Each structure stands twice: as structure tokens, then as C-alpha cells.
């Protein structure tokens, strides 16, 4: 998938715009567009097609940012899960939405 993204980007000569700052900003902006799908609606009342589009935008920019810094997406996700496993032990976190420092 990353290779497809890079080919798409490179055919359009867009790599020049894909610095870390702007990719990060793009993720934030797309996340705002994702939030907008839920604004003034019930929790699960949203347009699924738009949800797919906004998530895809977020994932694309995230993957490009990870690739830019030679980060292995699978590894950084596994590492984050391991860190969260320590911060949120099952015996304290199960069934609660409290933050780790409130457990």
C-alpha cells in the first residue's frame, strides 16, 4: 500500500510538499473532517462512505509520514500496544474508560 501511495504521489511530483510538518498537519485536518461526520448527530449516525474516505485520508498521510522516517508501521503499533498494556493493566482498566493516571 505504501508503494502505491508513493507511486501516486511521485507521478504528481508531490513529494516536495510532503515534509513532516505538512504531513502531520494534513493528518490533523483530515481528523477534523472525520469528526465533522459526527457533529450534531447521534453516536452511530454517520455516512459510511464518508467515514471510509476520511479514514483513508488519515491512513494515507500517516503511512507516508512513517515511510518518510523509515518507520515500520507494524512494529510501532506493536510497541504502542505493549506500552499501553503496562499503562492499562487488565485488572485495573477492564470495563472503565479512566485514563491510566486515574486507575
PDB file of N, CA and C in Angstrom:
ATOM      1  N   UNK A   1       0.834  -1.196   0.000  1.00  0.00           N
ATOM      2  CA  UNK A   1       0.000   0.000   0.000  1.00  0.00           C
ATOM      3  C   UNK A   1       0.873   1.253   0.000  1.00  0.00           C
ATOM      4  N   UNK A   2       1.935   1.236   0.784  1.00  0.00           N
ATOM      5  CA  UNK A   2       2.823   2.397   0.825  1.00  0.00           C
ATOM      6  C   UNK A   2       3.436   2.637  -0.551  1.00  0.00           C
ATOM      7  N   UNK A   3       3.810   1.560  -1.224  1.00  0.00           N
ATOM      8  CA  UNK A   3       4.380   1.706  -2.568  1.00  0.00           C
ATOM      9  C   UNK A   3       3.372   2.328  -3.520  1.00  0.00           C
ATOM     10  N   UNK A   4       2.120   1.932  -3.448  1.00  0.00           N
ATOM     11  CA  UNK A   4       1.071   2.529  -4.286  1.00  0.00           C
ATOM     12  C   UNK A   4       0.911   4.021  -3.983  1.00  0.00           C
ATOM     13  N   UNK A   5       0.938   4.360  -2.704  1.00  0.00           N
ATOM     14  CA  UNK A   5       0.842   5.771  -2.319  1.00  0.00           C
ATOM     15  C   UNK A   5       2.005   6.580  -2.883  1.00  0.00           C
ATOM     16  N   UNK A   6       3.200   6.016  -2.784  1.00  0.00           N
ATOM     17  CA  UNK A   6       4.377   6.718  -3.273  1.00  0.00           C
ATOM     18  C   UNK A   6       4.349   6.869  -4.791  1.00  0.00           C
ATOM     19  N   UNK A   7       3.894   5.850  -5.482  1.00  0.00           N
ATOM     20  CA  UNK A   7       3.783   5.944  -6.946  1.00  0.00           C
ATOM     21  C   UNK A   7       2.772   7.024  -7.329  1.00  0.00           C
ATOM     22  N   UNK A   8       1.632   7.047  -6.668  1.00  0.00           N
ATOM     23  CA  UNK A   8       0.613   8.074  -6.911  1.00  0.00           C
ATOM     24  C   UNK A   8       1.202   9.461  -6.676  1.00  0.00           C
ATOM     25  N   UNK A   9       1.874   9.620  -5.531  1.00  0.00           N
ATOM     26  CA  UNK A   9       2.496  10.896  -5.161  1.00  0.00           C
ATOM     27  C   UNK A   9       3.572  11.304  -6.159  1.00  0.00           C
ATOM     28  N   UNK A  10       4.431  10.386  -6.497  1.00  0.00           N
ATOM     29  CA  UNK A  10       5.574  10.707  -7.348  1.00  0.00           C
ATOM     30  C   UNK A  10       5.160  11.065  -8.772  1.00  0.00           C
ATOM     31  N   UNK A  11       4.113  10.430  -9.284  1.00  0.00           N
ATOM     32  CA  UNK A  11       3.622  10.776 -10.627  1.00  0.00           C
ATOM     33  C   UNK A  11       3.160  12.230 -10.686  1.00  0.00           C
ATOM     34  N   UNK A  12       2.777  12.766  -9.549  1.00  0.00           N
ATOM     35  CA  UNK A  12       2.270  14.138  -9.484  1.00  0.00           C
ATOM     36  C   UNK A  12       3.309  15.124  -8.942  1.00  0.00           C
ATOM     37  N   UNK A  13       4.510  14.620  -8.669  1.00  0.00           N
ATOM     38  CA  UNK A  13       5.583  15.449  -8.120  1.00  0.00           C
ATOM     39  C   UNK A  13       5.149  16.151  -6.834  1.00  0.00           C
ATOM     40  N   UNK A  14       4.504  15.408  -5.948  1.00  0.00           N
ATOM     41  CA  UNK A  14       4.017  15.971  -4.691  1.00  0.00           C
ATOM     42  C   UNK A  14       4.946  15.719  -3.505  1.00  0.00           C
ATOM     43  N   UNK A  15       5.983  14.911  -3.684  1.00  0.00           N
ATOM     44  CA  UNK A  15       6.865  14.627  -2.549  1.00  0.00           C
ATOM     45  C   UNK A  15       7.446  15.919  -1.975  1.00  0.00           C
ATOM     46  N   UNK A  16       7.648  16.910  -2.826  1.00  0.00           N
ATOM     47  CA  UNK A  16       8.193  18.197  -2.384  1.00  0.00           C
ATOM     48  C   UNK A  16       7.322  18.852  -1.311  1.00  0.00           C
ATOM     49  N   UNK A  17       6.049  18.494  -1.259  1.00  0.00           N
ATOM     50  CA  UNK A  17       5.133  19.074  -0.286  1.00  0.00           C
ATOM     51  C   UNK A  17       4.964  18.198   0.953  1.00  0.00           C
ATOM     52  N   UNK A  18       5.540  17.010   0.919  1.00  0.00           N
ATOM     53  CA  UNK A  18       5.307  16.038   1.978  1.00  0.00           C
ATOM     54  C   UNK A  18       6.420  16.039   3.018  1.00  0.00           C
ATOM     55  N   UNK A  19       6.640  17.194   3.616  1.00  0.00           N
ATOM     56  CA  UNK A  19       7.576  17.262   4.737  1.00  0.00           C
ATOM     57  C   UNK A  19       6.832  16.828   6.006  1.00  0.00           C
ATOM     58  N   UNK A  20       7.565  16.592   7.062  1.00  0.00           N
ATOM     59  CA  UNK A  20       6.966  16.076   8.299  1.00  0.00           C
ATOM     60  C   UNK A  20       5.895  16.998   8.857  1.00  0.00           C
ATOM     61  N   UNK A  21       6.159  18.278   8.846  1.00  0.00           N
ATOM     62  CA  UNK A  21       5.188  19.245   9.373  1.00  0.00           C
ATOM     63  C   UNK A  21       3.892  19.192   8.594  1.00  0.00           C
ATOM     64  N   UNK A  22       3.977  19.258   7.279  1.00  0.00           N
ATOM     65  CA  UNK A  22       2.765  19.308   6.470  1.00  0.00           C
ATOM     66  C   UNK A  22       2.007  17.978   6.461  1.00  0.00           C
ATOM     67  N   UNK A  23       2.714  16.869   6.514  1.00  0.00           N
ATOM     68  CA  UNK A  23       2.016  15.587   6.632  1.00  0.00           C
ATOM     69  C   UNK A  23       1.285  15.499   7.966  1.00  0.00           C
ATOM     70  N   UNK A  24       1.921  15.983   9.031  1.00  0.00           N
ATOM     71  CA  UNK A  24       1.278  15.994  10.347  1.00  0.00           C
ATOM     72  C   UNK A  24       0.058  16.901  10.361  1.00  0.00           C
ATOM     73  N   UNK A  25       0.194  18.072   9.756  1.00  0.00           N
ATOM     74  CA  UNK A  25      -0.946  18.984   9.662  1.00  0.00           C
ATOM     75  C   UNK A  25      -2.081  18.349   8.860  1.00  0.00           C
ATOM     76  N   UNK A  26      -1.742  17.680   7.789  1.00  0.00           N
ATOM     77  CA  UNK A  26      -2.757  17.034   6.950  1.00  0.00           C
ATOM     78  C   UNK A  26      -3.515  15.969   7.741  1.00  0.00           C
ATOM     79  N   UNK A  27      -2.804  15.208   8.570  1.00  0.00           N
ATOM     80  CA  UNK A  27      -3.464  14.203   9.408  1.00  0.00           C
ATOM     81  C   UNK A  27      -4.461  14.888  10.338  1.00  0.00           C
ATOM     82  N   UNK A  28      -4.033  15.966  10.961  1.00  0.00           N
ATOM     83  CA  UNK A  28      -4.913  16.693  11.879  1.00  0.00           C
ATOM     84  C   UNK A  28      -6.134  17.266  11.165  1.00  0.00           C
ATOM     85  N   UNK A  29      -5.922  17.830  10.010  1.00  0.00           N
ATOM     86  CA  UNK A  29      -7.029  18.413   9.239  1.00  0.00           C
ATOM     87  C   UNK A  29      -8.012  17.324   8.822  1.00  0.00           C
ATOM     88  N   UNK A  30      -7.499  16.205   8.352  1.00  0.00           N
ATOM     89  CA  UNK A  30      -8.375  15.097   7.954  1.00  0.00           C
ATOM     90  C   UNK A  30      -9.098  14.521   9.166  1.00  0.00           C
ATOM     91  N   UNK A  31      -8.437  14.494  10.325  1.00  0.00           N
ATOM     92  CA  UNK A  31      -9.101  14.025  11.546  1.00  0.00           C
ATOM     93  C   UNK A  31     -10.251  14.970  11.909  1.00  0.00           C
ATOM     94  N   UNK A  32     -10.067  16.268  11.679  1.00  0.00           N
ATOM     95  CA  UNK A  32     -11.144  17.226  11.887  1.00  0.00           C
ATOM     96  C   UNK A  32     -12.313  16.951  10.952  1.00  0.00           C
ATOM     97  N   UNK A  33     -12.017  16.597   9.718  1.00  0.00           N
ATOM     98  CA  UNK A  33     -13.073  16.264   8.763  1.00  0.00           C
ATOM     99  C   UNK A  33     -13.794  14.986   9.180  1.00  0.00           C
ATOM    100  N   UNK A  34     -13.053  14.048   9.769  1.00  0.00           N
ATOM    101  CA  UNK A  34     -13.674  12.839  10.303  1.00  0.00           C
ATOM    102  C   UNK A  34     -14.641  13.198  11.432  1.00  0.00           C
ATOM    103  N   UNK A  35     -14.210  14.056  12.335  1.00  0.00           N
ATOM    104  CA  UNK A  35     -15.071  14.481  13.441  1.00  0.00           C
ATOM    105  C   UNK A  35     -16.331  15.169  12.949  1.00  0.00           C
ATOM    106  N   UNK A  36     -16.190  15.903  11.879  1.00  0.00           N
ATOM    107  CA  UNK A  36     -17.324  16.639  11.327  1.00  0.00           C
ATOM    108  C   UNK A  36     -18.467  15.700  10.907  1.00  0.00           C
ATOM    109  N   UNK A  37     -18.130  14.466  10.546  1.00  0.00           N
ATOM    110  CA  UNK A  37     -19.156  13.496  10.162  1.00  0.00           C
ATOM    111  C   UNK A  37     -20.131  13.201  11.296  1.00  0.00           C
ATOM    112  N   UNK A  38     -19.675  13.406  12.531  1.00  0.00           N
ATOM    113  CA  UNK A  38     -20.467  13.074  13.712  1.00  0.00           C
ATOM    114  C   UNK A  38     -21.082  14.299  14.391  1.00  0.00           C
ATOM    115  N   UNK A  39     -20.713  15.469  13.949  1.00  0.00           N
ATOM    116  CA  UNK A  39     -21.179  16.695  14.587  1.00  0.00           C
ATOM    117  C   UNK A  39     -22.695  16.820  14.517  1.00  0.00           C
ATOM    118  N   UNK A  40     -23.299  17.050  15.662  1.00  0.00           N
ATOM    119  CA  UNK A  40     -24.740  17.267  15.815  1.00  0.00           C
ATOM    120  C   UNK A  40     -25.565  16.041  15.459  1.00  0.00           C
ATOM    121  N   UNK A  41     -24.980  14.867  15.572  1.00  0.00           N
ATOM    122  CA  UNK A  41     -25.693  13.626  15.250  1.00  0.00           C
ATOM    123  C   UNK A  41     -25.601  12.668  16.429  1.00  0.00           C
ATOM    124  N   UNK A  42     -26.409  11.640  16.372  1.00  0.00           N
ATOM    125  CA  UNK A  42     -26.315  10.568  17.361  1.00  0.00           C
ATOM    126  C   UNK A  42     -24.996   9.824  17.153  1.00  0.00           C
ATOM    127  N   UNK A  43     -24.568   9.070  18.148  1.00  0.00           N
ATOM    128  CA  UNK A  43     -23.265   8.397  18.127  1.00  0.00           C
ATOM    129  C   UNK A  43     -22.981   7.610  16.854  1.00  0.00           C
ATOM    130  N   UNK A  44     -23.908   6.815  16.402  1.00  0.00           N
ATOM    131  CA  UNK A  44     -23.668   5.943  15.252  1.00  0.00           C
ATOM    132  C   UNK A  44     -24.399   6.410  13.993  1.00  0.00           C
ATOM    133  N   UNK A  45     -24.791   7.668  13.975  1.00  0.00           N
ATOM    134  CA  UNK A  45     -25.480   8.241  12.810  1.00  0.00           C
ATOM    135  C   UNK A  45     -24.460   8.975  11.952  1.00  0.00           C
ATOM    136  N   UNK A  46     -23.964   8.295  10.922  1.00  0.00           N
ATOM    137  CA  UNK A  46     -22.957   8.892  10.038  1.00  0.00           C
ATOM    138  C   UNK A  46     -23.041   8.247   8.671  1.00  0.00           C
ATOM    139  N   UNK A  47     -22.415   8.879   7.698  1.00  0.00           N
ATOM    140  CA  UNK A  47     -22.352   8.378   6.331  1.00  0.00           C
ATOM    141  C   UNK A  47     -21.135   7.459   6.221  1.00  0.00           C
ATOM    142  N   UNK A  48     -21.370   6.165   6.015  1.00  0.00           N
ATOM    143  CA  UNK A  48     -20.273   5.190   5.988  1.00  0.00           C
ATOM    144  C   UNK A  48     -19.284   5.471   4.864  1.00  0.00           C
ATOM    145  N   UNK A  49     -19.771   5.886   3.711  1.00  0.00           N
ATOM    146  CA  UNK A  49     -18.875   6.185   2.592  1.00  0.00           C
ATOM    147  C   UNK A  49     -17.930   7.326   2.952  1.00  0.00           C
ATOM    148  N   UNK A  50     -18.461   8.357   3.604  1.00  0.00           N
ATOM    149  CA  UNK A  50     -17.612   9.478   4.026  1.00  0.00           C
ATOM    150  C   UNK A  50     -16.634   9.042   5.103  1.00  0.00           C
ATOM    151  N   UNK A  51     -17.069   8.164   5.996  1.00  0.00           N
ATOM    152  CA  UNK A  51     -16.181   7.626   7.021  1.00  0.00           C
ATOM    153  C   UNK A  51     -14.992   6.934   6.369  1.00  0.00           C
ATOM    154  N   UNK A  52     -15.268   6.109   5.367  1.00  0.00           N
ATOM    155  CA  UNK A  52     -14.196   5.413   4.647  1.00  0.00           C
ATOM    156  C   UNK A  52     -13.233   6.406   4.008  1.00  0.00           C
ATOM    157  N   UNK A  53     -13.761   7.443   3.390  1.00  0.00           N
ATOM    158  CA  UNK A  53     -12.916   8.435   2.721  1.00  0.00           C
ATOM    159  C   UNK A  53     -12.011   9.166   3.707  1.00  0.00           C
ATOM    160  N   UNK A  54     -12.579   9.603   4.826  1.00  0.00           N
ATOM    161  CA  UNK A  54     -11.780  10.366   5.793  1.00  0.00           C
ATOM    162  C   UNK A  54     -10.747   9.479   6.476  1.00  0.00           C
ATOM    163  N   UNK A  55     -11.127   8.250   6.820  1.00  0.00           N
ATOM    164  CA  UNK A  55     -10.143   7.326   7.397  1.00  0.00           C
ATOM    165  C   UNK A  55      -9.027   7.035   6.410  1.00  0.00           C
ATOM    166  N   UNK A  56      -9.376   6.849   5.150  1.00  0.00           N
ATOM    167  CA  UNK A  56      -8.354   6.586   4.132  1.00  0.00           C
ATOM    168  C   UNK A  56      -7.376   7.758   4.039  1.00  0.00           C
ATOM    169  N   UNK A  57      -7.899   8.989   4.066  1.00  0.00           N
ATOM    170  CA  UNK A  57      -7.016  10.160   4.020  1.00  0.00           C
ATOM    171  C   UNK A  57      -6.054  10.162   5.209  1.00  0.00           C
ATOM    172  N   UNK A  58      -6.576   9.892   6.402  1.00  0.00           N
ATOM    173  CA  UNK A  58      -5.745   9.873   7.606  1.00  0.00           C
ATOM    174  C   UNK A  58      -4.684   8.781   7.498  1.00  0.00           C
ATOM    175  N   UNK A  59      -5.106   7.588   7.099  1.00  0.00           N
ATOM    176  CA  UNK A  59      -4.164   6.473   6.976  1.00  0.00           C
ATOM    177  C   UNK A  59      -3.096   6.767   5.925  1.00  0.00           C
ATOM    178  N   UNK A  60      -3.497   7.340   4.790  1.00  0.00           N
ATOM    179  CA  UNK A  60      -2.535   7.637   3.724  1.00  0.00           C
ATOM    180  C   UNK A  60      -1.451   8.594   4.200  1.00  0.00           C
ATOM    181  N   UNK A  61      -1.865   9.682   4.826  1.00  0.00           N
ATOM    182  CA  UNK A  61      -0.869  10.645   5.307  1.00  0.00           C
ATOM    183  C   UNK A  61      -0.020  10.043   6.422  1.00  0.00           C
ATOM    184  N   UNK A  62      -0.626   9.242   7.281  1.00  0.00           N
ATOM    185  CA  UNK A  62       0.134   8.580   8.342  1.00  0.00           C
ATOM    186  C   UNK A  62       1.161   7.612   7.796  1.00  0.00           C
ATOM    187  N   UNK A  63       0.764   6.843   6.803  1.00  0.00           N
ATOM    188  CA  UNK A  63       1.706   5.898   6.195  1.00  0.00           C
ATOM    189  C   UNK A  63       2.839   6.622   5.484  1.00  0.00           C
ATOM    190  N   UNK A  64       2.525   7.702   4.809  1.00  0.00           N
ATOM    191  CA  UNK A  64       3.579   8.474   4.135  1.00  0.00           C
ATOM    192  C   UNK A  64       4.547   9.092   5.145  1.00  0.00           C
ATOM    193  N   UNK A  65       4.022   9.553   6.274  1.00  0.00           N
ATOM    194  CA  UNK A  65       4.887  10.121   7.317  1.00  0.00           C
ATOM    195  C   UNK A  65       5.779   9.037   7.920  1.00  0.00           C
ATOM    196  N   UNK A  66       5.214   7.884   8.180  1.00  0.00           N
ATOM    197  CA  UNK A  66       6.016   6.773   8.711  1.00  0.00           C
ATOM    198  C   UNK A  66       7.099   6.365   7.722  1.00  0.00           C
ATOM    199  N   UNK A  67       6.732   6.265   6.453  1.00  0.00           N
ATOM    200  CA  UNK A  67       7.701   5.886   5.426  1.00  0.00           C
ATOM    201  C   UNK A  67       8.814   6.919   5.307  1.00  0.00           C
ATOM    202  N   UNK A  68       8.461   8.180   5.410  1.00  0.00           N
ATOM    203  CA  UNK A  68       9.457   9.255   5.315  1.00  0.00           C
ATOM    204  C   UNK A  68      10.565   9.078   6.348  1.00  0.00           C
ATOM    205  N   UNK A  69      10.187   8.541   7.509  1.00  0.00           N
ATOM    206  CA  UNK A  69      11.155   8.391   8.603  1.00  0.00           C
ATOM    207  C   UNK A  69      11.589   6.936   8.797  1.00  0.00           C
ATOM    208  N   UNK A  70      11.346   6.123   7.762  1.00  0.00           N
ATOM    209  CA  UNK A  70      11.759   4.716   7.787  1.00  0.00           C
ATOM    210  C   UNK A  70      11.231   3.970   9.010  1.00  0.00           C
ATOM    211  N   UNK A  71       9.987   4.258   9.366  1.00  0.00           N
ATOM    212  CA  UNK A  71       9.364   3.590  10.496  1.00  0.00           C
ATOM    213  C   UNK A  71       8.554   2.399   9.991  1.00  0.00           C
ATOM    214  N   UNK A  72       8.674   1.295  10.684  1.00  0.00           N
ATOM    215  CA  UNK A  72       7.906   0.101  10.367  1.00  0.00           C
ATOM    216  C   UNK A  72       6.569   0.218  11.090  1.00  0.00           C
ATOM    217  N   UNK A  73       5.499   0.413  10.342  1.00  0.00           N
ATOM    218  CA  UNK A  73       4.181   0.679  10.924  1.00  0.00           C
ATOM    219  C   UNK A  73       3.746  -0.460  11.846  1.00  0.00           C
ATOM    220  N   UNK A  74       3.935  -1.684  11.422  1.00  0.00           N
ATOM    221  CA  UNK A  74       3.548  -2.830  12.251  1.00  0.00           C
ATOM    222  C   UNK A  74       4.310  -2.804  13.573  1.00  0.00           C
ATOM    223  N   UNK A  75       5.604  -2.542  13.507  1.00  0.00           N
ATOM    224  CA  UNK A  75       6.420  -2.519  14.727  1.00  0.00           C
ATOM    225  C   UNK A  75       6.032  -1.381  15.665  1.00  0.00           C
ATOM    226  N   UNK A  76       5.788  -0.192  15.136  1.00  0.00           N
ATOM    227  CA  UNK A  76       5.451   0.916  16.039  1.00  0.00           C
ATOM    228  C   UNK A  76       4.076   0.702  16.669  1.00  0.00           C
ATOM    229  N   UNK A  77       3.173   0.034  15.962  1.00  0.00           N
ATOM    230  CA  UNK A  77       1.868  -0.278  16.552  1.00  0.00           C
ATOM    231  C   UNK A  77       2.026  -1.336  17.637  1.00  0.00           C
ATOM    232  N   UNK A  78       2.804  -2.370  17.359  1.00  0.00           N
ATOM    233  CA  UNK A  78       3.048  -3.400  18.377  1.00  0.00           C
ATOM    234  C   UNK A  78       3.697  -2.793  19.616  1.00  0.00           C
ATOM    235  N   UNK A  79       4.664  -1.896  19.410  1.00  0.00           N
ATOM    236  CA  UNK A  79       5.326  -1.238  20.539  1.00  0.00           C
ATOM    237  C   UNK A  79       4.339  -0.409  21.357  1.00  0.00           C
ATOM    238  N   UNK A  80       3.436   0.273  20.689  1.00  0.00           N
ATOM    239  CA  UNK A  80       2.445   1.092  21.388  1.00  0.00           C
ATOM    240  C   UNK A  80       1.479   0.219  22.183  1.00  0.00           C
ATOM    241  N   UNK A  81       1.071  -0.903  21.606  1.00  0.00           N
ATOM    242  CA  UNK A  81       0.200  -1.832  22.327  1.00  0.00           C
ATOM    243  C   UNK A  81       0.908  -2.349  23.579  1.00  0.00           C
ATOM    244  N   UNK A  82       2.184  -2.669  23.461  1.00  0.00           N
ATOM    245  CA  UNK A  82       2.951  -3.155  24.615  1.00  0.00           C
ATOM    246  C   UNK A  82       3.038  -2.088  25.704  1.00  0.00           C
ATOM    247  N   UNK A  83       3.281  -0.842  25.322  1.00  0.00           N
ATOM    248  CA  UNK A  83       3.330   0.249  26.301  1.00  0.00           C
ATOM    249  C   UNK A  83       1.974   0.437  26.980  1.00  0.00           C
ATOM    250  N   UNK A  84       0.903   0.383  26.178  1.00  0.00           N
ATOM    251  CA  UNK A  84      -0.437   0.543  26.736  1.00  0.00           C
ATOM    252  C   UNK A  84      -0.819  -0.623  27.643  1.00  0.00           C
ATOM    253  N   UNK A  85      -0.285  -1.800  27.353  1.00  0.00           N
ATOM    254  CA  UNK A  85      -0.538  -2.963  28.194  1.00  0.00           C
ATOM    255  C   UNK A  85      -0.008  -2.727  29.604  1.00  0.00           C
ATOM    256  N   UNK A  86       1.121  -2.045  29.700  1.00  0.00           N
ATOM    257  CA  UNK A  86       1.698  -1.715  31.009  1.00  0.00           C
ATOM    258  C   UNK A  86       0.899  -0.594  31.678  1.00  0.00           C
ATOM    259  N   UNK A  87       0.533   0.419  30.904  1.00  0.00           N
ATOM    260  CA  UNK A  87      -0.201   1.569  31.452  1.00  0.00           C
ATOM    261  C   UNK A  87      -1.631   1.213  31.867  1.00  0.00           C
ATOM    262  N   UNK A  88      -2.212   0.240  31.189  1.00  0.00           N
ATOM    263  CA  UNK A  88      -3.605  -0.142  31.424  1.00  0.00           C
ATOM    264  C   UNK A  88      -3.716  -1.631  31.743  1.00  0.00           C
ATOM    265  N   UNK A  89      -3.257  -2.050  32.930  1.00  0.00           N
ATOM    266  CA  UNK A  89      -3.351  -3.466  33.277  1.00  0.00           C
ATOM    267  C   UNK A  89      -4.825  -3.905  33.319  1.00  0.00           C
ATOM    268  N   UNK A  90      -5.074  -5.103  32.854  1.00  0.00           N
ATOM    269  CA  UNK A  90      -6.438  -5.602  32.736  1.00  0.00           C
ATOM    270  C   UNK A  90      -7.177  -5.514  34.068  1.00  0.00           C
ATOM    271  N   UNK A  91      -6.517  -5.892  35.143  1.00  0.00           N
ATOM    272  CA  UNK A  91      -7.202  -5.918  36.440  1.00  0.00           C
ATOM    273  C   UNK A  91      -7.665  -4.541  36.897  1.00  0.00           C
ATOM    274  N   UNK A  92      -7.059  -3.484  36.393  1.00  0.00           N
ATOM    275  CA  UNK A  92      -7.463  -2.119  36.766  1.00  0.00           C
ATOM    276  C   UNK A  92      -8.275  -1.427  35.682  1.00  0.00           C
ATOM    277  N   UNK A  93      -8.031  -1.746  34.425  1.00  0.00           N
ATOM    278  CA  UNK A  93      -8.626  -0.995  33.319  1.00  0.00           C
ATOM    279  C   UNK A  93      -9.872  -1.646  32.717  1.00  0.00           C
ATOM    280  N   UNK A  94     -10.096  -2.902  32.996  1.00  0.00           N
ATOM    281  CA  UNK A  94     -11.214  -3.606  32.364  1.00  0.00           C
ATOM    282  C   UNK A  94     -12.551  -2.956  32.704  1.00  0.00           C
ATOM    283  N   UNK A  95     -13.278  -2.590  31.652  1.00  0.00           N
ATOM    284  CA  UNK A  95     -14.619  -2.046  31.823  1.00  0.00           C
ATOM    285  C   UNK A  95     -14.694  -0.589  32.203  1.00  0.00           C
ATOM    286  N   UNK A  96     -13.562   0.102  32.223  1.00  0.00           N
ATOM    287  CA  UNK A  96     -13.568   1.523  32.584  1.00  0.00           C
ATOM    288  C   UNK A  96     -12.879   2.344  31.504  1.00  0.00           C
ATOM    289  N   UNK A  97     -13.312   3.570  31.351  1.00  0.00           N
ATOM    290  CA  UNK A  97     -12.706   4.471  30.370  1.00  0.00           C
ATOM    291  C   UNK A  97     -11.752   5.451  31.042  1.00  0.00           C
ATOM    292  N   UNK A  98     -11.398   5.193  32.291  1.00  0.00           N
ATOM    293  CA  UNK A  98     -10.486   6.085  33.013  1.00  0.00           C
ATOM    294  C   UNK A  98      -9.108   6.087  32.360  1.00  0.00           C
ATOM    295  N   UNK A  99      -8.461   7.232  32.438  1.00  0.00           N
ATOM    296  CA  UNK A  99      -7.098   7.357  31.948  1.00  0.00           C
ATOM    297  C   UNK A  99      -6.162   6.635  32.905  1.00  0.00           C
ATOM    298  N   UNK A 100      -5.006   6.216  32.396  1.00  0.00           N
ATOM    299  CA  UNK A 100      -4.067   5.408  33.185  1.00  0.00           C
ATOM    300  C   UNK A 100      -3.711   6.030  34.525  1.00  0.00           C
ATOM    301  N   UNK A 101      -3.632   7.364  34.585  1.00  0.00           N
ATOM    302  CA  UNK A 101      -3.244   8.011  35.845  1.00  0.00           C
ATOM    303  C   UNK A 101      -4.414   8.131  36.832  1.00  0.00           C
ATOM    304  N   UNK A 102      -5.592   7.647  36.419  1.00  0.00           N
ATOM    305  CA  UNK A 102      -6.752   7.653  37.304  1.00  0.00           C
ATOM    306  C   UNK A 102      -7.118   6.254  37.790  1.00  0.00           C
ATOM    307  N   UNK A 103      -6.393   5.244  37.327  1.00  0.00           N
ATOM    308  CA  UNK A 103      -6.724   3.861  37.702  1.00  0.00           C
ATOM    309  C   UNK A 103      -6.277   3.544  39.113  1.00  0.00           C
TER     310      UNK A 103
END
